[in-house]
C-alpha atoms as a PDB file:
ATOM      1  CA  MET A   1      -0.192   0.008  -0.283  1.00  0.00           C
ATOM      2  CA  ASN A   2       1.431   3.175  -0.907  1.00  0.00           C
ATOM      3  CA  GLU A   3       1.189   6.392   1.612  1.00  0.00           C
ATOM      4  CA  ILE A   4       1.727  10.152   1.129  1.00  0.00           C
ATOM      5  CA  THR A   5       0.246  11.825   4.632  1.00  0.00           C
ATOM      6  CA  ASN A   6       1.231  15.674   3.629  1.00  0.00           C
ATOM      7  CA  LYS A   7      -1.436  17.865   3.485  1.00  0.00           C
ATOM      8  CA  HIS A   8      -1.197  19.060  -0.055  1.00  0.00           C
ATOM      9  CA  TYR A   9      -0.303  17.384  -3.111  1.00  0.00           C
ATOM     10  CA  ALA A  10      -1.262  17.528  -6.620  1.00  0.00           C
ATOM     11  CA  LEU A  11      -3.629  14.905  -8.654  1.00  0.00           C
ATOM     12  CA  ILE A  12      -2.903  15.125 -12.608  1.00  0.00           C
ATOM     13  CA  PRO A  13      -5.385  12.924 -14.257  1.00  0.00           C
ATOM     14  CA  ALA A  14      -3.907  12.267 -17.892  1.00  0.00           C
ATOM     15  CA  LYS A  15      -5.754   9.594 -19.807  1.00  0.00           C
ATOM     16  CA  SER A  16      -3.522   7.951 -22.718  1.00  0.00           C
ATOM     17  CA  LYS A  17      -6.428   8.412 -25.088  1.00  0.00           C
ATOM     18  CA  SER A  18      -8.946  11.140 -26.034  1.00  0.00           C
ATOM     19  CA  SER A  19     -11.596  11.295 -28.701  1.00  0.00           C
ATOM     20  CA  ARG A  20     -11.926  15.295 -29.516  1.00  0.00           C
ATOM     21  CA  CYS A  21      -8.238  16.140 -29.617  1.00  0.00           C
ATOM     22  CA  ILE A  22      -5.766  13.508 -30.341  1.00  0.00           C
ATOM     23  CA  ASP A  23      -3.087  12.951 -27.531  1.00  0.00           C
ATOM     24  CA  LYS A  24      -3.808  16.289 -25.942  1.00  0.00           C
ATOM     25  CA  ASN A  25      -2.223  15.295 -22.758  1.00  0.00           C
ATOM     26  CA  TRP A  26       0.612  14.125 -23.966  1.00  0.00           C
ATOM     27  CA  ARG A  27       1.802  16.006 -27.578  1.00  0.00           C
ATOM     28  CA  GLU A  28       4.203  18.674 -27.420  1.00  0.00           C
ATOM     29  CA  PHE A  29       2.562  22.017 -26.649  1.00  0.00           C
ATOM     30  CA  VAL A  30       5.536  24.810 -27.071  1.00  0.00           C
ATOM     31  CA  LEU A  31       8.274  24.131 -29.759  1.00  0.00           C
ATOM     32  CA  GLY A  32      12.044  24.702 -30.024  1.00  0.00           C
ATOM     33  CA  GLU A  33      13.708  25.707 -27.018  1.00  0.00           C
ATOM     34  CA  ASN A  34      10.673  26.048 -24.629  1.00  0.00           C
ATOM     35  CA  LEU A  35       9.407  22.273 -25.631  1.00  0.00           C
ATOM     36  CA  VAL A  36       6.568  21.477 -23.374  1.00  0.00           C
ATOM     37  CA  SER A  37       3.747  19.354 -23.309  1.00  0.00           C
ATOM     38  CA  CYS A  38       0.243  20.118 -21.605  1.00  0.00           C
ATOM     39  CA  LEU A  39       0.659  16.756 -19.029  1.00  0.00           C
ATOM     40  CA  ILE A  40       2.895  19.011 -16.787  1.00  0.00           C
ATOM     41  CA  SER A  41       2.028  22.648 -16.352  1.00  0.00           C
ATOM     42  CA  ILE A  42       3.697  25.203 -14.533  1.00  0.00           C
ATOM     43  CA  ILE A  43       4.069  23.757 -10.641  1.00  0.00           C
ATOM     44  CA  PRO A  44       5.956  25.628  -8.025  1.00  0.00           C
ATOM     45  CA  GLU A  45       9.256  23.604  -7.236  1.00  0.00           C
ATOM     46  CA  ASP A  46       8.851  22.468  -3.570  1.00  0.00           C
ATOM     47  CA  PHE A  47       5.105  23.463  -3.637  1.00  0.00           C
ATOM     48  CA  PHE A  48       3.614  20.363  -3.090  1.00  0.00           C
ATOM     49  CA  ASP A  49       4.648  17.461  -0.735  1.00  0.00           C
ATOM     50  CA  GLY A  50       3.892  14.761  -3.481  1.00  0.00           C
ATOM     51  CA  VAL A  51       2.289  14.807  -6.678  1.00  0.00           C
ATOM     52  CA  ILE A  52       0.430  12.069  -8.433  1.00  0.00           C
ATOM     53  CA  LEU A  53       0.104  11.205 -12.349  1.00  0.00           C
ATOM     54  CA  SER A  54      -2.739   9.096 -12.547  1.00  0.00           C
ATOM     55  CA  THR A  55      -2.638   7.592 -16.337  1.00  0.00           C
ATOM     56  CA  ASP A  56      -3.533   4.097 -18.336  1.00  0.00           C
ATOM     57  CA  LYS A  57      -0.664   4.856 -20.623  1.00  0.00           C
ATOM     58  CA  PRO A  58       1.700   1.928 -20.404  1.00  0.00           C
ATOM     59  CA  ASP A  59       4.904   3.883 -21.436  1.00  0.00           C
ATOM     60  CA  VAL A  60       4.550   6.850 -19.573  1.00  0.00           C
ATOM     61  CA  LYS A  61       8.193   8.553 -18.937  1.00  0.00           C
ATOM     62  CA  ASN A  62       8.921   9.606 -15.140  1.00  0.00           C
ATOM     63  CA  TYR A  63       8.898  12.866 -14.282  1.00  0.00           C
ATOM     64  CA  ASP A  64      11.123  14.331 -11.426  1.00  0.00           C
ATOM     65  CA  GLY A  65       9.008  14.481  -8.263  1.00  0.00           C
ATOM     66  CA  VAL A  66       6.061  12.646  -9.648  1.00  0.00           C
ATOM     67  CA  THR A  67       4.724   9.513  -8.771  1.00  0.00           C
ATOM     68  CA  ILE A  68       2.987   7.841 -11.568  1.00  0.00           C
ATOM     69  CA  HIS A  69      -0.400   6.402 -10.289  1.00  0.00           C
ATOM     70  CA  PHE A  70      -1.620   3.303 -13.386  1.00  0.00           C
ATOM     71  CA  ARG A  71      -5.119   3.384 -13.044  1.00  0.00           C
ATOM     72  CA  ASN A  72      -7.232   0.676 -14.197  1.00  0.00           C
ATOM     73  CA  LYS A  73      -8.532   0.845 -17.544  1.00  0.00           C
ATOM     74  CA  THR A  74     -12.209   0.595 -16.195  1.00  0.00           C
ATOM     75  CA  LEU A  75     -11.485   4.654 -14.932  1.00  0.00           C
ATOM     76  CA  ALA A  76      -9.976   5.431 -17.781  1.00  0.00           C
ATOM     77  CA  THR A  77     -12.933   5.388 -20.662  1.00  0.00           C
ATOM     78  CA  LYS A  78     -14.948   8.144 -21.912  1.00  0.00           C
ATOM     79  CA  GLU A  79     -17.705   7.601 -19.604  1.00  0.00           C
ATOM     80  CA  SER A  80     -15.831   7.515 -16.393  1.00  0.00           C
ATOM     81  CA  PRO A  81     -15.928  10.268 -13.955  1.00  0.00           C
ATOM     82  CA  VAL A  82     -12.939  11.537 -12.155  1.00  0.00           C
ATOM     83  CA  ASN A  83     -14.596  11.319  -8.860  1.00  0.00           C
ATOM     84  CA  ASP A  84     -14.438   7.487  -9.047  1.00  0.00           C
ATOM     85  CA  LEU A  85     -10.464   7.747  -9.595  1.00  0.00           C
ATOM     86  CA  ILE A  86     -10.181  10.368  -6.831  1.00  0.00           C
ATOM     87  CA  ASP A  87     -11.707   7.547  -4.764  1.00  0.00           C
ATOM     88  CA  VAL A  88      -9.486   5.174  -5.411  1.00  0.00           C
ATOM     89  CA  ILE A  89      -6.202   7.410  -4.987  1.00  0.00           C
ATOM     90  CA  ILE A  90      -7.464   8.347  -1.698  1.00  0.00           C
ATOM     91  CA  ASP A  91      -7.697   4.913  -0.647  1.00  0.00           C
ATOM     92  CA  GLU A  92      -4.551   3.478  -2.567  1.00  0.00           C
ATOM     93  CA  TYR A  93      -2.326   6.335  -1.139  1.00  0.00           C
ATOM     94  CA  GLU A  94      -3.972   6.418   2.539  1.00  0.00           C
ATOM     95  CA  LEU A  95      -4.509   9.919   2.528  1.00  0.00           C
ATOM     96  CA  SER A  96      -5.795  11.755   5.747  1.00  0.00           C
ATOM     97  CA  ASN A  97      -8.832  13.193   6.331  1.00  0.00           C
ATOM     98  CA  GLU A  98      -7.455  16.797   6.519  1.00  0.00           C
ATOM     99  CA  SER A  99      -5.293  16.705   3.101  1.00  0.00           C
ATOM    100  CA  TYR A 100      -6.144  18.691   0.124  1.00  0.00           C
ATOM    101  CA  ILE A 101      -6.082  17.432  -3.274  1.00  0.00           C
ATOM    102  CA  TRP A 102      -5.384  20.118  -5.969  1.00  0.00           C
ATOM    103  CA  LEU A 103      -7.278  18.732  -9.045  1.00  0.00           C
ATOM    104  CA  LEU A 104      -5.142  20.053 -12.265  1.00  0.00           C
ATOM    105  CA  ASN A 105      -6.174  19.007 -15.475  1.00  0.00           C
ATOM    106  CA  PRO A 106      -3.129  18.820 -18.294  1.00  0.00           C
ATOM    107  CA  THR A 107      -5.625  20.699 -20.602  1.00  0.00           C
ATOM    108  CA  SER A 108      -5.323  24.245 -18.374  1.00  0.00           C
ATOM    109  CA  PRO A 109      -1.413  24.953 -19.053  1.00  0.00           C
ATOM    110  CA  PHE A 110      -1.128  28.334 -18.361  1.00  0.00           C
ATOM    111  CA  ARG A 111      -1.556  28.323 -14.344  1.00  0.00           C
ATOM    112  CA  GLU A 112       0.614  31.134 -13.090  1.00  0.00           C
ATOM    113  CA  PRO A 113       2.711  30.283  -9.552  1.00  0.00           C
ATOM    114  CA  LYS A 114       1.051  33.300  -8.023  1.00  0.00           C
ATOM    115  CA  ASP A 115      -2.199  31.603  -8.135  1.00  0.00           C
ATOM    116  CA  PHE A 116      -0.941  28.484  -6.275  1.00  0.00           C
ATOM    117  CA  ILE A 117       0.276  30.840  -3.369  1.00  0.00           C
ATOM    118  CA  ASN A 118      -2.900  32.616  -3.330  1.00  0.00           C
ATOM    119  CA  ILE A 119      -4.885  29.976  -2.938  1.00  0.00           C
ATOM    120  CA  LYS A 120      -3.074  28.071  -0.613  1.00  0.00           C
ATOM    121  CA  GLN A 121      -3.607  31.527   1.605  1.00  0.00           C
ATOM    122  CA  MET A 122      -6.850  30.893   0.991  1.00  0.00           C
ATOM    123  CA  LEU A 123      -7.279  27.857   2.508  1.00  0.00           C
ATOM    124  CA  GLU A 124      -4.794  28.485   5.612  1.00  0.00           C
ATOM    125  CA  ARG A 125      -7.182  32.013   6.415  1.00  0.00           C
ATOM    126  CA  GLU A 126     -10.631  30.277   6.416  1.00  0.00           C
ATOM    127  CA  ASP A 127     -12.244  26.631   7.229  1.00  0.00           C
ATOM    128  CA  ILE A 128     -12.686  26.407   2.864  1.00  0.00           C
ATOM    129  CA  SER A 129     -14.008  22.663   1.738  1.00  0.00           C
ATOM    130  CA  SER A 130     -12.911  23.546  -1.551  1.00  0.00           C
ATOM    131  CA  ILE A 131     -11.950  26.486  -4.020  1.00  0.00           C
ATOM    132  CA  ILE A 132     -12.878  26.280  -7.221  1.00  0.00           C
ATOM    133  CA  SER A 133     -11.158  28.558  -9.852  1.00  0.00           C
ATOM    134  CA  VAL A 134     -13.348  30.924 -12.502  1.00  0.00           C
ATOM    135  CA  SER A 135     -13.147  33.596 -15.221  1.00  0.00           C
ATOM    136  CA  GLU A 136     -15.563  36.876 -15.176  1.00  0.00           C
ATOM    137  CA  THR A 137     -17.837  36.441 -17.777  1.00  0.00           C
ATOM    138  CA  ASN A 138     -19.956  39.085 -19.807  1.00  0.00           C
ATOM    139  CA  SER A 139     -23.334  39.456 -18.078  1.00  0.00           C
ATOM    140  CA  PHE A 140     -25.375  38.949 -21.461  1.00  0.00           C
ATOM    141  CA  ILE A 141     -25.724  35.448 -21.001  1.00  0.00           C
ATOM    142  CA  TRP A 142     -28.314  33.433 -22.920  1.00  0.00           C
ATOM    143  CA  LYS A 143     -29.800  30.308 -21.704  1.00  0.00           C
ATOM    144  CA  ASP A 144     -30.576  28.009 -25.266  1.00  0.00           C
ATOM    145  CA  GLU A 145     -32.845  30.712 -26.811  1.00  0.00           C
ATOM    146  CA  ARG A 146     -33.906  32.772 -24.095  1.00  0.00           C
ATOM    147  CA  PRO A 147     -31.756  36.019 -22.326  1.00  0.00           C
ATOM    148  CA  LEU A 148     -31.110  35.831 -18.705  1.00  0.00           C
ATOM    149  CA  PHE A 149     -30.971  39.733 -18.686  1.00  0.00           C
ATOM    150  CA  ASN A 150     -33.332  42.521 -18.595  1.00  0.00           C
ATOM    151  CA  THR A 151     -33.949  43.445 -22.112  1.00  0.00           C
ATOM    152  CA  ASP A 152     -35.996  46.732 -21.124  1.00  0.00           C
ATOM    153  CA  TYR A 153     -34.476  49.716 -23.337  1.00  0.00           C
ATOM    154  CA  PRO A 154     -32.400  51.324 -22.670  1.00  0.00           C
ATOM    155  CA  ARG A 155     -29.882  48.166 -22.512  1.00  0.00           C
ATOM    156  CA  LYS A 156     -27.670  48.452 -19.554  1.00  0.00           C
ATOM    157  CA  ASN A 157     -23.783  48.518 -19.654  1.00  0.00           C
ATOM    158  CA  THR A 158     -21.832  45.739 -18.461  1.00  0.00           C
ATOM    159  CA  GLN A 159     -20.611  47.924 -15.202  1.00  0.00           C
ATOM    160  CA  GLU A 160     -23.996  48.654 -14.356  1.00  0.00           C
ATOM    161  CA  PHE A 161     -25.281  44.989 -13.611  1.00  0.00           C
ATOM    162  CA  GLU A 162     -25.955  44.168 -10.091  1.00  0.00           C
ATOM    163  CA  THR A 163     -24.511  40.909 -10.165  1.00  0.00           C
ATOM    164  CA  ASN A 164     -21.350  39.645 -11.351  1.00  0.00           C
ATOM    165  CA  TYR A 165     -21.149  36.088 -13.518  1.00  0.00           C
ATOM    166  CA  TYR A 166     -18.179  33.587 -13.537  1.00  0.00           C
ATOM    167  CA  LYS A 167     -17.800  30.511 -15.253  1.00  0.00           C
ATOM    168  CA  GLU A 168     -15.489  27.554 -14.213  1.00  0.00           C
ATOM    169  CA  ASN A 169     -12.324  27.937 -16.018  1.00  0.00           C
ATOM    170  CA  GLY A 170     -10.736  24.342 -15.253  1.00  0.00           C
ATOM    171  CA  GLN A 171      -7.421  25.801 -13.841  1.00  0.00           C
ATOM    172  CA  PHE A 172      -8.012  24.617 -10.251  1.00  0.00           C
ATOM    173  CA  TYR A 173     -10.230  22.184  -8.182  1.00  0.00           C
ATOM    174  CA  VAL A 174      -8.940  21.914  -4.308  1.00  0.00           C
ATOM    175  CA  PHE A 175     -10.985  20.413  -2.258  1.00  0.00           C
ATOM    176  CA  ARG A 176     -10.213  18.705   1.362  1.00  0.00           C
ATOM    177  CA  VAL A 177     -10.241  14.438   1.793  1.00  0.00           C
ATOM    178  CA  VAL A 178     -13.143  14.756   4.460  1.00  0.00           C
ATOM    179  CA  GLU A 179     -15.746  16.630   2.275  1.00  0.00           C
ATOM    180  CA  PHE A 180     -15.008  14.833  -1.069  1.00  0.00           C
ATOM    181  CA  LEU A 181     -15.620  11.086   0.903  1.00  0.00           C
ATOM    182  CA  LYS A 182     -18.808  12.607   2.767  1.00  0.00           C
ATOM    183  CA  ASN A 183     -20.372  14.635  -0.291  1.00  0.00           C
ATOM    184  CA  LYS A 184     -18.487  12.576  -3.494  1.00  0.00           C
ATOM    185  CA  THR A 185     -17.576  16.139  -4.970  1.00  0.00           C
ATOM    186  CA  TRP A 186     -15.880  19.100  -4.368  1.00  0.00           C
ATOM    187  CA  TYR A 187     -19.033  21.001  -4.498  1.00  0.00           C
ATOM    188  CA  SER A 188     -20.171  21.966  -0.787  1.00  0.00           C
ATOM    189  CA  ASN A 189     -22.042  24.568   0.872  1.00  0.00           C
ATOM    190  CA  SER A 190     -17.998  26.005   1.884  1.00  0.00           C
ATOM    191  CA  THR A 191     -16.820  26.194  -1.333  1.00  0.00           C
ATOM    192  CA  PHE A 192     -15.325  29.016  -2.409  1.00  0.00           C
ATOM    193  CA  ILE A 193     -14.375  30.677  -5.908  1.00  0.00           C
ATOM    194  CA  TYR A 194     -11.080  31.906  -7.018  1.00  0.00           C
ATOM    195  CA  LYS A 195     -11.602  34.968  -9.212  1.00  0.00           C
ATOM    196  CA  GLN A 196      -8.855  35.293 -12.266  1.00  0.00           C
ATOM    197  CA  LYS A 197      -8.765  37.265 -15.196  1.00  0.00           C
ATOM    198  CA  GLY A 198      -7.035  37.895 -18.707  1.00  0.00           C
ATOM    199  CA  ILE A 199      -7.264  35.048 -21.451  1.00  0.00           C
ATOM    200  CA  LYS A 200      -5.212  32.525 -20.452  1.00  0.00           C
ATOM    201  CA  THR A 201      -7.373  31.561 -17.668  1.00  0.00           C
ATOM    202  CA  CYS A 202     -10.060  30.985 -20.170  1.00  0.00           C
ATOM    203  CA  ILE A 203      -7.839  28.148 -21.879  1.00  0.00           C
ATOM    204  CA  ASP A 204      -9.302  24.565 -21.117  1.00  0.00           C
ATOM    205  CA  ILE A 205      -8.247  22.247 -24.207  1.00  0.00           C
ATOM    206  CA  ASP A 206     -10.808  20.352 -25.552  1.00  0.00           C
ATOM    207  CA  THR A 207     -10.601  20.191 -29.263  1.00  0.00           C
ATOM    208  CA  GLU A 208      -7.728  20.492 -31.951  1.00  0.00           C
ATOM    209  CA  GLU A 209      -8.954  24.274 -32.435  1.00  0.00           C
ATOM    210  CA  ASP A 210      -8.634  24.820 -28.402  1.00  0.00           C
ATOM    211  CA  PHE A 211      -5.256  23.253 -28.661  1.00  0.00           C
ATOM    212  CA  LEU A 212      -3.734  25.636 -31.562  1.00  0.00           C
ATOM    213  CA  ASP A 213      -5.463  28.224 -30.412  1.00  0.00           C
ATOM    214  CA  ALA A 214      -3.552  27.628 -26.880  1.00  0.00           C
ATOM    215  CA  GLN A 215       0.002  27.149 -28.863  1.00  0.00           C
ATOM    216  CA  LYS A 216      -0.623  30.652 -30.647  1.00  0.00           C
ATOM    217  CA  ILE A 217      -1.002  32.348 -27.264  1.00  0.00           C
ATOM    218  CA  ALA A 218       1.937  30.581 -25.712  1.00  0.00           C
ATOM    219  CA  ARG A 219       4.194  31.565 -28.203  1.00  0.00           C
END
């Protein structure tokens, strides 16, 4: 049985195959001298006590300071939720209830070191079960064919809206083990949002077009 008893550690889920963007977790992301992959995006040195890379890829190379978890194929299908994988990781590595898991999807490659620090400080200041990173979005939101804003004349300017709207951007999902085991999700009544700005915070690679657009931004 593997054991990690540290309080903060990263979990990077990276299946070997993807349907909409071939090898999106493993292919070269920025060419030339700055060759990296989407897989290990910026993680501050010595920030985590443990980094776990979970994959079904049999020939994955070793990364310094990274523990490779070879997951069962049943946990690597298109239909298998990452929540089931998290349950397995908690059990196999005997993670303590008060530990925090940082779920870092490899398809959000533009994380900044300052964001890691800020989120950790939030966790230390508050009694927080989870933190989700979000990006502010335009207030003129439509649900299918119906506007979710007041359409009376004259139309409000964005800064005049009384409510701010945000969307999850996929960069950070940080949650305490005990609450996850109880709810089987990182959402709870004490979930906080970590607000981010800028186009890079909105990059979440799902399609080939997303990948190429992200490469252009990185260059």
